[in-house]
Amino acid sequence: MYTCYKPTTPLQFEPLFSDRFREEGSGESKDPRYTTSWRRCLGDGIETVWVYRDADGNVASLAVWDHEFASLELLKKIEDAFGVEIVSEKDPRYWGYETGGQLKRALAAGALPPPLI
């Protein structure tokens, strides 16, 4: 099981895999079986986050596998290094709404949320 996250403002995909972010103690975990031009994995030695790219070169979403050690520190490092806020799929802003009430009304009216990844 995993939880999806995404930044509330645009975040470029490629800089996450740059030397600048590597200096923060994070880097790319490469596995050719799973890594593609639109899906890459960041790791910090303890946690991993799968990062998905949209057609514009921005981060579409970040997936963190749920387990007892998932402290989300790697997401916090991304927030701090790039000056963005990252929210989970449990937050209405993930789906493009400011409040839970707005999201509930949209769903009641038949709006389908976009896929998580």
PDB file of N, CA and C in Angstrom:
ATOM      1  N   MET A   1       0.845  -1.178   0.000  1.00  0.00           N
ATOM      2  CA  MET A   1       0.000   0.000   0.000  1.00  0.00           C
ATOM      3  C   MET A   1       0.890   1.240   0.000  1.00  0.00           C
ATOM      4  N   TYR A   2       0.456   2.263  -0.657  1.00  0.00           N
ATOM      5  CA  TYR A   2       1.215   3.502  -0.686  1.00  0.00           C
ATOM      6  C   TYR A   2       0.279   4.691  -0.551  1.00  0.00           C
ATOM      7  N   THR A   3       0.862   5.825  -0.220  1.00  0.00           N
ATOM      8  CA  THR A   3       0.128   7.085  -0.158  1.00  0.00           C
ATOM      9  C   THR A   3       0.746   8.022  -1.168  1.00  0.00           C
ATOM     10  N   CYS A   4      -0.095   8.735  -1.902  1.00  0.00           N
ATOM     11  CA  CYS A   4       0.380   9.692  -2.892  1.00  0.00           C
ATOM     12  C   CYS A   4       0.392  11.104  -2.305  1.00  0.00           C
ATOM     13  N   TYR A   5       1.350  11.864  -2.761  1.00  0.00           N
ATOM     14  CA  TYR A   5       1.539  13.252  -2.346  1.00  0.00           C
ATOM     15  C   TYR A   5       1.808  14.076  -3.589  1.00  0.00           C
ATOM     16  N   LYS A   6       1.628  15.386  -3.484  1.00  0.00           N
ATOM     17  CA  LYS A   6       2.079  16.261  -4.558  1.00  0.00           C
ATOM     18  C   LYS A   6       2.259  17.674  -4.028  1.00  0.00           C
ATOM     19  N   PRO A   7       3.096  18.452  -4.717  1.00  0.00           N
ATOM     20  CA  PRO A   7       3.304  19.833  -4.290  1.00  0.00           C
ATOM     21  C   PRO A   7       2.078  20.682  -4.625  1.00  0.00           C
ATOM     22  N   THR A   8       1.829  21.696  -3.798  1.00  0.00           N
ATOM     23  CA  THR A   8       0.684  22.577  -4.039  1.00  0.00           C
ATOM     24  C   THR A   8       0.994  23.630  -5.098  1.00  0.00           C
ATOM     25  N   THR A   9       2.259  23.789  -5.433  1.00  0.00           N
ATOM     26  CA  THR A   9       2.688  24.691  -6.512  1.00  0.00           C
ATOM     27  C   THR A   9       3.608  23.896  -7.428  1.00  0.00           C
ATOM     28  N   PRO A  10       3.780  24.341  -8.682  1.00  0.00           N
ATOM     29  CA  PRO A  10       4.614  23.572  -9.611  1.00  0.00           C
ATOM     30  C   PRO A  10       6.038  23.355  -9.085  1.00  0.00           C
ATOM     31  N   LEU A  11       6.510  22.150  -9.281  1.00  0.00           N
ATOM     32  CA  LEU A  11       7.864  21.757  -8.903  1.00  0.00           C
ATOM     33  C   LEU A  11       8.456  20.996 -10.077  1.00  0.00           C
ATOM     34  N   GLN A  12       9.554  21.486 -10.615  1.00  0.00           N
ATOM     35  CA  GLN A  12      10.197  20.823 -11.747  1.00  0.00           C
ATOM     36  C   GLN A  12      10.717  19.449 -11.329  1.00  0.00           C
ATOM     37  N   PHE A  13      10.552  18.498 -12.204  1.00  0.00           N
ATOM     38  CA  PHE A  13      10.936  17.107 -11.969  1.00  0.00           C
ATOM     39  C   PHE A  13      12.456  16.926 -11.908  1.00  0.00           C
ATOM     40  N   GLU A  14      13.178  17.396 -12.921  1.00  0.00           N
ATOM     41  CA  GLU A  14      14.617  17.120 -13.042  1.00  0.00           C
ATOM     42  C   GLU A  14      15.471  17.631 -11.872  1.00  0.00           C
ATOM     43  N   PRO A  15      15.219  18.830 -11.320  1.00  0.00           N
ATOM     44  CA  PRO A  15      16.065  19.299 -10.217  1.00  0.00           C
ATOM     45  C   PRO A  15      16.072  18.386  -8.987  1.00  0.00           C
ATOM     46  N   LEU A  16      15.053  17.558  -8.828  1.00  0.00           N
ATOM     47  CA  LEU A  16      15.043  16.622  -7.707  1.00  0.00           C
ATOM     48  C   LEU A  16      16.186  15.615  -7.804  1.00  0.00           C
ATOM     49  N   PHE A  17      16.702  15.435  -9.007  1.00  0.00           N
ATOM     50  CA  PHE A  17      17.752  14.451  -9.238  1.00  0.00           C
ATOM     51  C   PHE A  17      19.098  15.119  -9.508  1.00  0.00           C
ATOM     52  N   SER A  18      19.222  16.379  -9.107  1.00  0.00           N
ATOM     53  CA  SER A  18      20.424  17.172  -9.374  1.00  0.00           C
ATOM     54  C   SER A  18      21.437  17.065  -8.246  1.00  0.00           C
ATOM     55  N   ASP A  19      22.638  17.580  -8.511  1.00  0.00           N
ATOM     56  CA  ASP A  19      23.688  17.613  -7.489  1.00  0.00           C
ATOM     57  C   ASP A  19      23.252  18.437  -6.286  1.00  0.00           C
ATOM     58  N   ARG A  20      22.481  19.511  -6.527  1.00  0.00           N
ATOM     59  CA  ARG A  20      22.025  20.371  -5.423  1.00  0.00           C
ATOM     60  C   ARG A  20      21.255  19.574  -4.380  1.00  0.00           C
ATOM     61  N   PHE A  21      20.361  18.738  -4.826  1.00  0.00           N
ATOM     62  CA  PHE A  21      19.565  17.961  -3.882  1.00  0.00           C
ATOM     63  C   PHE A  21      20.386  16.816  -3.300  1.00  0.00           C
ATOM     64  N   ARG A  22      21.323  16.286  -4.057  1.00  0.00           N
ATOM     65  CA  ARG A  22      22.198  15.225  -3.563  1.00  0.00           C
ATOM     66  C   ARG A  22      22.993  15.705  -2.352  1.00  0.00           C
ATOM     67  N   GLU A  23      23.338  17.000  -2.345  1.00  0.00           N
ATOM     68  CA  GLU A  23      24.060  17.577  -1.211  1.00  0.00           C
ATOM     69  C   GLU A  23      23.219  17.553   0.064  1.00  0.00           C
ATOM     70  N   GLU A  24      21.910  17.477  -0.082  1.00  0.00           N
ATOM     71  CA  GLU A  24      21.015  17.404   1.078  1.00  0.00           C
ATOM     72  C   GLU A  24      20.978  15.988   1.659  1.00  0.00           C
ATOM     73  N   GLY A  25      21.746  15.059   1.066  1.00  0.00           N
ATOM     74  CA  GLY A  25      21.776  13.685   1.559  1.00  0.00           C
ATOM     75  C   GLY A  25      20.821  12.762   0.849  1.00  0.00           C
ATOM     76  N   SER A  26      20.303  13.191  -0.280  1.00  0.00           N
ATOM     77  CA  SER A  26      19.354  12.383  -1.035  1.00  0.00           C
ATOM     78  C   SER A  26      19.888  12.180  -2.444  1.00  0.00           C
ATOM     79  N   GLY A  27      19.477  11.104  -3.055  1.00  0.00           N
ATOM     80  CA  GLY A  27      19.916  10.857  -4.417  1.00  0.00           C
ATOM     81  C   GLY A  27      19.010   9.866  -5.103  1.00  0.00           C
ATOM     82  N   GLU A  28      19.293   9.648  -6.366  1.00  0.00           N
ATOM     83  CA  GLU A  28      18.457   8.763  -7.157  1.00  0.00           C
ATOM     84  C   GLU A  28      18.826   7.315  -6.912  1.00  0.00           C
ATOM     85  N   SER A  29      17.816   6.489  -6.743  1.00  0.00           N
ATOM     86  CA  SER A  29      17.988   5.036  -6.667  1.00  0.00           C
ATOM     87  C   SER A  29      17.610   4.486  -8.032  1.00  0.00           C
ATOM     88  N   LYS A  30      18.598   4.028  -8.776  1.00  0.00           N
ATOM     89  CA  LYS A  30      18.329   3.588 -10.150  1.00  0.00           C
ATOM     90  C   LYS A  30      18.134   2.088 -10.215  1.00  0.00           C
ATOM     91  N   ASP A  31      17.037   1.698 -10.795  1.00  0.00           N
ATOM     92  CA  ASP A  31      16.766   0.301 -11.097  1.00  0.00           C
ATOM     93  C   ASP A  31      16.150   0.288 -12.490  1.00  0.00           C
ATOM     94  N   PRO A  32      16.894  -0.178 -13.478  1.00  0.00           N
ATOM     95  CA  PRO A  32      16.411  -0.103 -14.862  1.00  0.00           C
ATOM     96  C   PRO A  32      15.111  -0.851 -15.108  1.00  0.00           C
ATOM     97  N   ARG A  33      14.746  -1.748 -14.215  1.00  0.00           N
ATOM     98  CA  ARG A  33      13.474  -2.459 -14.389  1.00  0.00           C
ATOM     99  C   ARG A  33      12.276  -1.552 -14.135  1.00  0.00           C
ATOM    100  N   TYR A  34      12.474  -0.494 -13.330  1.00  0.00           N
ATOM    101  CA  TYR A  34      11.354   0.348 -12.920  1.00  0.00           C
ATOM    102  C   TYR A  34      11.509   1.815 -13.277  1.00  0.00           C
ATOM    103  N   THR A  35      12.740   2.268 -13.475  1.00  0.00           N
ATOM    104  CA  THR A  35      12.992   3.676 -13.757  1.00  0.00           C
ATOM    105  C   THR A  35      12.706   3.972 -15.229  1.00  0.00           C
ATOM    106  N   THR A  36      11.953   5.046 -15.469  1.00  0.00           N
ATOM    107  CA  THR A  36      11.630   5.468 -16.831  1.00  0.00           C
ATOM    108  C   THR A  36      11.836   6.978 -16.923  1.00  0.00           C
ATOM    109  N   SER A  37      11.554   7.547 -18.080  1.00  0.00           N
ATOM    110  CA  SER A  37      11.677   9.003 -18.233  1.00  0.00           C
ATOM    111  C   SER A  37      10.610   9.742 -17.427  1.00  0.00           C
ATOM    112  N   TRP A  38       9.540   9.070 -17.060  1.00  0.00           N
ATOM    113  CA  TRP A  38       8.461   9.727 -16.309  1.00  0.00           C
ATOM    114  C   TRP A  38       8.322   9.220 -14.879  1.00  0.00           C
ATOM    115  N   ARG A  39       9.154   8.243 -14.484  1.00  0.00           N
ATOM    116  CA  ARG A  39       9.088   7.704 -13.123  1.00  0.00           C
ATOM    117  C   ARG A  39      10.507   7.404 -12.643  1.00  0.00           C
ATOM    118  N   ARG A  40      10.893   8.061 -11.565  1.00  0.00           N
ATOM    119  CA  ARG A  40      12.217   7.852 -10.987  1.00  0.00           C
ATOM    120  C   ARG A  40      12.091   7.775  -9.468  1.00  0.00           C
ATOM    121  N   CYS A  41      13.102   7.223  -8.836  1.00  0.00           N
ATOM    122  CA  CYS A  41      13.043   6.977  -7.398  1.00  0.00           C
ATOM    123  C   CYS A  41      14.130   7.763  -6.679  1.00  0.00           C
ATOM    124  N   LEU A  42      13.722   8.482  -5.637  1.00  0.00           N
ATOM    125  CA  LEU A  42      14.652   9.181  -4.751  1.00  0.00           C
ATOM    126  C   LEU A  42      14.815   8.376  -3.478  1.00  0.00           C
ATOM    127  N   GLY A  43      16.018   8.408  -2.929  1.00  0.00           N
ATOM    128  CA  GLY A  43      16.253   7.730  -1.668  1.00  0.00           C
ATOM    129  C   GLY A  43      17.226   8.524  -0.817  1.00  0.00           C
ATOM    130  N   ASP A  44      17.166   8.283   0.480  1.00  0.00           N
ATOM    131  CA  ASP A  44      18.104   8.944   1.391  1.00  0.00           C
ATOM    132  C   ASP A  44      18.833   7.930   2.264  1.00  0.00           C
ATOM    133  N   GLY A  45      18.822   6.671   1.860  1.00  0.00           N
ATOM    134  CA  GLY A  45      19.458   5.621   2.636  1.00  0.00           C
ATOM    135  C   GLY A  45      18.497   4.897   3.556  1.00  0.00           C
ATOM    136  N   ILE A  46      17.365   5.518   3.843  1.00  0.00           N
ATOM    137  CA  ILE A  46      16.360   4.899   4.711  1.00  0.00           C
ATOM    138  C   ILE A  46      15.028   4.802   3.977  1.00  0.00           C
ATOM    139  N   GLU A  47      14.607   5.902   3.404  1.00  0.00           N
ATOM    140  CA  GLU A  47      13.316   5.962   2.730  1.00  0.00           C
ATOM    141  C   GLU A  47      13.492   6.093   1.221  1.00  0.00           C
ATOM    142  N   THR A  48      12.458   5.726   0.505  1.00  0.00           N
ATOM    143  CA  THR A  48      12.410   5.979  -0.932  1.00  0.00           C
ATOM    144  C   THR A  48      11.083   6.624  -1.280  1.00  0.00           C
ATOM    145  N   VAL A  49      11.127   7.455  -2.291  1.00  0.00           N
ATOM    146  CA  VAL A  49       9.933   8.124  -2.805  1.00  0.00           C
ATOM    147  C   VAL A  49       9.964   7.981  -4.320  1.00  0.00           C
ATOM    148  N   TRP A  50       8.901   7.422  -4.880  1.00  0.00           N
ATOM    149  CA  TRP A  50       8.782   7.365  -6.336  1.00  0.00           C
ATOM    150  C   TRP A  50       8.193   8.686  -6.809  1.00  0.00           C
ATOM    151  N   VAL A  51       8.865   9.301  -7.785  1.00  0.00           N
ATOM    152  CA  VAL A  51       8.476  10.612  -8.300  1.00  0.00           C
ATOM    153  C   VAL A  51       7.975  10.419  -9.731  1.00  0.00           C
ATOM    154  N   TYR A  52       6.785  10.944 -10.000  1.00  0.00           N
ATOM    155  CA  TYR A  52       6.159  10.819 -11.318  1.00  0.00           C
ATOM    156  C   TYR A  52       6.109  12.181 -11.993  1.00  0.00           C
ATOM    157  N   ARG A  53       6.458  12.219 -13.273  1.00  0.00           N
ATOM    158  CA  ARG A  53       6.565  13.449 -14.068  1.00  0.00           C
ATOM    159  C   ARG A  53       5.331  13.614 -14.941  1.00  0.00           C
ATOM    160  N   ASP A  54       4.867  14.868 -15.071  1.00  0.00           N
ATOM    161  CA  ASP A  54       3.766  15.132 -16.007  1.00  0.00           C
ATOM    162  C   ASP A  54       4.327  15.556 -17.364  1.00  0.00           C
ATOM    163  N   ALA A  55       3.460  15.825 -18.313  1.00  0.00           N
ATOM    164  CA  ALA A  55       3.873  16.168 -19.682  1.00  0.00           C
ATOM    165  C   ALA A  55       4.609  17.504 -19.755  1.00  0.00           C
ATOM    166  N   ASP A  56       4.437  18.363 -18.748  1.00  0.00           N
ATOM    167  CA  ASP A  56       5.097  19.672 -18.741  1.00  0.00           C
ATOM    168  C   ASP A  56       6.450  19.659 -18.029  1.00  0.00           C
ATOM    169  N   GLY A  57       6.881  18.502 -17.549  1.00  0.00           N
ATOM    170  CA  GLY A  57       8.161  18.416 -16.860  1.00  0.00           C
ATOM    171  C   GLY A  57       8.085  18.728 -15.378  1.00  0.00           C
ATOM    172  N   ASN A  58       6.879  18.794 -14.834  1.00  0.00           N
ATOM    173  CA  ASN A  58       6.689  19.037 -13.405  1.00  0.00           C
ATOM    174  C   ASN A  58       6.411  17.720 -12.685  1.00  0.00           C
ATOM    175  N   VAL A  59       6.513  17.758 -11.375  1.00  0.00           N
ATOM    176  CA  VAL A  59       6.160  16.602 -10.564  1.00  0.00           C
ATOM    177  C   VAL A  59       4.644  16.454 -10.583  1.00  0.00           C
ATOM    178  N   ALA A  60       4.169  15.300 -11.027  1.00  0.00           N
ATOM    179  CA  ALA A  60       2.733  15.018 -11.028  1.00  0.00           C
ATOM    180  C   ALA A  60       2.314  14.458  -9.671  1.00  0.00           C
ATOM    181  N   SER A  61       3.130  13.559  -9.135  1.00  0.00           N
ATOM    182  CA  SER A  61       2.864  13.037  -7.801  1.00  0.00           C
ATOM    183  C   SER A  61       4.097  12.322  -7.273  1.00  0.00           C
ATOM    184  N   LEU A  62       4.065  12.080  -5.968  1.00  0.00           N
ATOM    185  CA  LEU A  62       5.135  11.369  -5.270  1.00  0.00           C
ATOM    186  C   LEU A  62       4.466  10.240  -4.498  1.00  0.00           C
ATOM    187  N   ALA A  63       4.984   9.036  -4.616  1.00  0.00           N
ATOM    188  CA  ALA A  63       4.383   7.893  -3.933  1.00  0.00           C
ATOM    189  C   ALA A  63       5.339   7.384  -2.856  1.00  0.00           C
ATOM    190  N   VAL A  64       4.807   7.238  -1.639  1.00  0.00           N
ATOM    191  CA  VAL A  64       5.573   6.721  -0.510  1.00  0.00           C
ATOM    192  C   VAL A  64       4.895   5.429  -0.057  1.00  0.00           C
ATOM    193  N   TRP A  65       5.656   4.349  -0.035  1.00  0.00           N
ATOM    194  CA  TRP A  65       5.114   3.078   0.427  1.00  0.00           C
ATOM    195  C   TRP A  65       4.884   3.163   1.926  1.00  0.00           C
ATOM    196  N   ASP A  66       3.705   2.765   2.340  1.00  0.00           N
ATOM    197  CA  ASP A  66       3.341   2.802   3.759  1.00  0.00           C
ATOM    198  C   ASP A  66       3.998   1.638   4.497  1.00  0.00           C
ATOM    199  N   HIS A  67       4.763   1.972   5.500  1.00  0.00           N
ATOM    200  CA  HIS A  67       5.359   0.971   6.374  1.00  0.00           C
ATOM    201  C   HIS A  67       5.696   1.645   7.694  1.00  0.00           C
ATOM    202  N   GLU A  68       6.093   0.869   8.654  1.00  0.00           N
ATOM    203  CA  GLU A  68       6.291   1.423   9.995  1.00  0.00           C
ATOM    204  C   GLU A  68       7.408   2.455  10.081  1.00  0.00           C
ATOM    205  N   PHE A  69       8.315   2.483   9.120  1.00  0.00           N
ATOM    206  CA  PHE A  69       9.432   3.420   9.164  1.00  0.00           C
ATOM    207  C   PHE A  69       9.205   4.662   8.303  1.00  0.00           C
ATOM    208  N   ALA A  70       8.033   4.798   7.715  1.00  0.00           N
ATOM    209  CA  ALA A  70       7.750   5.924   6.816  1.00  0.00           C
ATOM    210  C   ALA A  70       7.560   7.202   7.626  1.00  0.00           C
ATOM    211  N   SER A  71       8.652   7.889   7.892  1.00  0.00           N
ATOM    212  CA  SER A  71       8.584   9.115   8.690  1.00  0.00           C
ATOM    213  C   SER A  71       8.336  10.340   7.833  1.00  0.00           C
ATOM    214  N   LEU A  72       8.406  10.181   6.537  1.00  0.00           N
ATOM    215  CA  LEU A  72       8.183  11.258   5.571  1.00  0.00           C
ATOM    216  C   LEU A  72       9.273  12.322   5.613  1.00  0.00           C
ATOM    217  N   GLU A  73      10.418  11.990   6.182  1.00  0.00           N
ATOM    218  CA  GLU A  73      11.530  12.938   6.235  1.00  0.00           C
ATOM    219  C   GLU A  73      11.999  13.341   4.842  1.00  0.00           C
ATOM    220  N   LEU A  74      11.966  12.413   3.900  1.00  0.00           N
ATOM    221  CA  LEU A  74      12.413  12.737   2.547  1.00  0.00           C
ATOM    222  C   LEU A  74      11.495  13.776   1.902  1.00  0.00           C
ATOM    223  N   LEU A  75      10.197  13.684   2.162  1.00  0.00           N
ATOM    224  CA  LEU A  75       9.274  14.714   1.651  1.00  0.00           C
ATOM    225  C   LEU A  75       9.578  16.061   2.295  1.00  0.00           C
ATOM    226  N   LYS A  76       9.896  16.059   3.566  1.00  0.00           N
ATOM    227  CA  LYS A  76      10.258  17.306   4.265  1.00  0.00           C
ATOM    228  C   LYS A  76      11.530  17.902   3.669  1.00  0.00           C
ATOM    229  N   LYS A  77      12.495  17.062   3.311  1.00  0.00           N
ATOM    230  CA  LYS A  77      13.718  17.547   2.669  1.00  0.00           C
ATOM    231  C   LYS A  77      13.401  18.218   1.331  1.00  0.00           C
ATOM    232  N   ILE A  78      12.473  17.641   0.578  1.00  0.00           N
ATOM    233  CA  ILE A  78      12.067  18.238  -0.709  1.00  0.00           C
ATOM    234  C   ILE A  78      11.416  19.589  -0.458  1.00  0.00           C
ATOM    235  N   GLU A  79      10.509  19.654   0.513  1.00  0.00           N
ATOM    236  CA  GLU A  79       9.855  20.922   0.843  1.00  0.00           C
ATOM    237  C   GLU A  79      10.884  21.992   1.194  1.00  0.00           C
ATOM    238  N   ASP A  80      11.822  21.649   2.057  1.00  0.00           N
ATOM    239  CA  ASP A  80      12.825  22.616   2.513  1.00  0.00           C
ATOM    240  C   ASP A  80      13.769  23.035   1.389  1.00  0.00           C
ATOM    241  N   ALA A  81      14.217  22.083   0.590  1.00  0.00           N
ATOM    242  CA  ALA A  81      15.192  22.384  -0.467  1.00  0.00           C
ATOM    243  C   ALA A  81      14.599  23.199  -1.611  1.00  0.00           C
ATOM    244  N   PHE A  82      13.302  22.994  -1.894  1.00  0.00           N
ATOM    245  CA  PHE A  82      12.704  23.632  -3.057  1.00  0.00           C
ATOM    246  C   PHE A  82      11.617  24.649  -2.716  1.00  0.00           C
ATOM    247  N   GLY A  83      11.376  24.885  -1.429  1.00  0.00           N
ATOM    248  CA  GLY A  83      10.419  25.911  -1.030  1.00  0.00           C
ATOM    249  C   GLY A  83       8.994  25.640  -1.463  1.00  0.00           C
ATOM    250  N   VAL A  84       8.579  24.370  -1.389  1.00  0.00           N
ATOM    251  CA  VAL A  84       7.219  24.007  -1.758  1.00  0.00           C
ATOM    252  C   VAL A  84       6.527  23.351  -0.570  1.00  0.00           C
ATOM    253  N   GLU A  85       5.218  23.287  -0.635  1.00  0.00           N
ATOM    254  CA  GLU A  85       4.441  22.535   0.346  1.00  0.00           C
ATOM    255  C   GLU A  85       3.941  21.278  -0.355  1.00  0.00           C
ATOM    256  N   ILE A  86       4.069  20.149   0.315  1.00  0.00           N
ATOM    257  CA  ILE A  86       3.622  18.878  -0.246  1.00  0.00           C
ATOM    258  C   ILE A  86       2.467  18.367   0.601  1.00  0.00           C
ATOM    259  N   VAL A  87       1.376  17.971  -0.068  1.00  0.00           N
ATOM    260  CA  VAL A  87       0.189  17.481   0.632  1.00  0.00           C
ATOM    261  C   VAL A  87      -0.138  16.061   0.177  1.00  0.00           C
ATOM    262  N   SER A  88      -0.825  15.328   1.047  1.00  0.00           N
ATOM    263  CA  SER A  88      -1.187  13.943   0.722  1.00  0.00           C
ATOM    264  C   SER A  88      -2.534  13.898   0.016  1.00  0.00           C
ATOM    265  N   GLU A  89      -2.829  12.738  -0.525  1.00  0.00           N
ATOM    266  CA  GLU A  89      -4.110  12.515  -1.198  1.00  0.00           C
ATOM    267  C   GLU A  89      -5.284  12.666  -0.235  1.00  0.00           C
ATOM    268  N   LYS A  90      -5.015  12.682   1.056  1.00  0.00           N
ATOM    269  CA  LYS A  90      -6.073  12.868   2.057  1.00  0.00           C
ATOM    270  C   LYS A  90      -6.419  14.343   2.272  1.00  0.00           C
ATOM    271  N   ASP A  91      -5.635  15.216   1.683  1.00  0.00           N
ATOM    272  CA  ASP A  91      -5.847  16.663   1.769  1.00  0.00           C
ATOM    273  C   ASP A  91      -6.637  17.109   0.530  1.00  0.00           C
ATOM    274  N   PRO A  92      -7.708  17.890   0.688  1.00  0.00           N
ATOM    275  CA  PRO A  92      -8.490  18.310  -0.486  1.00  0.00           C
ATOM    276  C   PRO A  92      -7.675  19.092  -1.512  1.00  0.00           C
ATOM    277  N   ARG A  93      -6.589  19.737  -1.088  1.00  0.00           N
ATOM    278  CA  ARG A  93      -5.759  20.485  -2.040  1.00  0.00           C
ATOM    279  C   ARG A  93      -5.074  19.568  -3.039  1.00  0.00           C
ATOM    280  N   TYR A  94      -4.853  18.314  -2.655  1.00  0.00           N
ATOM    281  CA  TYR A  94      -4.292  17.339  -3.592  1.00  0.00           C
ATOM    282  C   TYR A  94      -5.179  17.236  -4.837  1.00  0.00           C
ATOM    283  N   TRP A  95      -6.479  17.318  -4.626  1.00  0.00           N
ATOM    284  CA  TRP A  95      -7.460  17.149  -5.704  1.00  0.00           C
ATOM    285  C   TRP A  95      -7.874  18.465  -6.348  1.00  0.00           C
ATOM    286  N   GLY A  96      -7.264  19.573  -5.892  1.00  0.00           N
ATOM    287  CA  GLY A  96      -7.563  20.863  -6.494  1.00  0.00           C
ATOM    288  C   GLY A  96      -8.639  21.662  -5.784  1.00  0.00           C
ATOM    289  N   TYR A  97      -8.973  21.292  -4.555  1.00  0.00           N
ATOM    290  CA  TYR A  97      -9.994  21.991  -3.774  1.00  0.00           C
ATOM    291  C   TYR A  97      -9.356  22.556  -2.514  1.00  0.00           C
ATOM    292  N   GLU A  98      -9.885  23.686  -2.058  1.00  0.00           N
ATOM    293  CA  GLU A  98      -9.345  24.321  -0.855  1.00  0.00           C
ATOM    294  C   GLU A  98      -9.858  23.682   0.428  1.00  0.00           C
ATOM    295  N   THR A  99     -11.088  23.177   0.393  1.00  0.00           N
ATOM    296  CA  THR A  99     -11.676  22.613   1.609  1.00  0.00           C
ATOM    297  C   THR A  99     -12.272  21.235   1.336  1.00  0.00           C
ATOM    298  N   GLY A 100     -12.445  20.486   2.426  1.00  0.00           N
ATOM    299  CA  GLY A 100     -13.095  19.190   2.309  1.00  0.00           C
ATOM    300  C   GLY A 100     -14.536  19.311   1.837  1.00  0.00           C
ATOM    301  N   GLY A 101     -15.207  20.378   2.251  1.00  0.00           N
ATOM    302  CA  GLY A 101     -16.588  20.603   1.823  1.00  0.00           C
ATOM    303  C   GLY A 101     -16.693  20.788   0.322  1.00  0.00           C
ATOM    304  N   GLN A 102     -15.764  21.546  -0.260  1.00  0.00           N
ATOM    305  CA  GLN A 102     -15.765  21.727  -1.716  1.00  0.00           C
ATOM    306  C   GLN A 102     -15.556  20.392  -2.427  1.00  0.00           C
ATOM    307  N   LEU A 103     -14.642  19.598  -1.931  1.00  0.00           N
ATOM    308  CA  LEU A 103     -14.378  18.291  -2.532  1.00  0.00           C
ATOM    309  C   LEU A 103     -15.607  17.392  -2.432  1.00  0.00           C
ATOM    310  N   LYS A 104     -16.252  17.357  -1.264  1.00  0.00           N
ATOM    311  CA  LYS A 104     -17.446  16.529  -1.081  1.00  0.00           C
ATOM    312  C   LYS A 104     -18.565  16.943  -2.028  1.00  0.00           C
ATOM    313  N   ARG A 105     -18.767  18.270  -2.181  1.00  0.00           N
ATOM    314  CA  ARG A 105     -19.810  18.747  -3.092  1.00  0.00           C
ATOM    315  C   ARG A 105     -19.497  18.364  -4.537  1.00  0.00           C
ATOM    316  N   ALA A 106     -18.253  18.480  -4.930  1.00  0.00           N
ATOM    317  CA  ALA A 106     -17.863  18.123  -6.292  1.00  0.00           C
ATOM    318  C   ALA A 106     -18.076  16.635  -6.544  1.00  0.00           C
ATOM    319  N   LEU A 107     -17.709  15.807  -5.575  1.00  0.00           N
ATOM    320  CA  LEU A 107     -17.919  14.369  -5.735  1.00  0.00           C
ATOM    321  C   LEU A 107     -19.392  14.017  -5.770  1.00  0.00           C
ATOM    322  N   ALA A 108     -20.185  14.701  -4.933  1.00  0.00           N
ATOM    323  CA  ALA A 108     -21.631  14.462  -4.922  1.00  0.00           C
ATOM    324  C   ALA A 108     -22.270  14.861  -6.249  1.00  0.00           C
ATOM    325  N   ALA A 109     -21.677  15.858  -6.918  1.00  0.00           N
ATOM    326  CA  ALA A 109     -22.209  16.316  -8.205  1.00  0.00           C
ATOM    327  C   ALA A 109     -21.717  15.447  -9.364  1.00  0.00           C
ATOM    328  N   GLY A 110     -20.930  14.421  -9.044  1.00  0.00           N
ATOM    329  CA  GLY A 110     -20.495  13.495 -10.094  1.00  0.00           C
ATOM    330  C   GLY A 110     -19.080  13.701 -10.609  1.00  0.00           C
ATOM    331  N   ALA A 111     -18.353  14.649 -10.014  1.00  0.00           N
ATOM    332  CA  ALA A 111     -16.977  14.857 -10.451  1.00  0.00           C
ATOM    333  C   ALA A 111     -16.128  13.676  -9.997  1.00  0.00           C
ATOM    334  N   LEU A 112     -15.353  13.147 -10.908  1.00  0.00           N
ATOM    335  CA  LEU A 112     -14.449  12.068 -10.565  1.00  0.00           C
ATOM    336  C   LEU A 112     -13.062  12.620 -10.351  1.00  0.00           C
ATOM    337  N   PRO A 113     -12.417  12.227  -9.281  1.00  0.00           N
ATOM    338  CA  PRO A 113     -11.043  12.715  -9.070  1.00  0.00           C
ATOM    339  C   PRO A 113     -10.118  12.110 -10.124  1.00  0.00           C
ATOM    340  N   PRO A 114      -9.034  12.815 -10.439  1.00  0.00           N
ATOM    341  CA  PRO A 114      -8.061  12.257 -11.381  1.00  0.00           C
ATOM    342  C   PRO A 114      -7.351  11.072 -10.738  1.00  0.00           C
ATOM    343  N   PRO A 115      -6.735  10.222 -11.552  1.00  0.00           N
ATOM    344  CA  PRO A 115      -6.018   9.084 -10.965  1.00  0.00           C
ATOM    345  C   PRO A 115      -4.887   9.563 -10.067  1.00  0.00           C
ATOM    346  N   LEU A 116      -4.524   8.764  -9.081  1.00  0.00           N
ATOM    347  CA  LEU A 116      -3.481   9.139  -8.139  1.00  0.00           C
ATOM    348  C   LEU A 116      -2.123   9.240  -8.828  1.00  0.00           C
ATOM    349  N   ILE A 117      -1.818   8.321  -9.699  1.00  0.00           N
ATOM    350  CA  ILE A 117      -0.512   8.333 -10.371  1.00  0.00           C
ATOM    351  C   ILE A 117      -0.739   8.258 -11.858  1.00  0.00           C
TER     352      ILE A 117
END
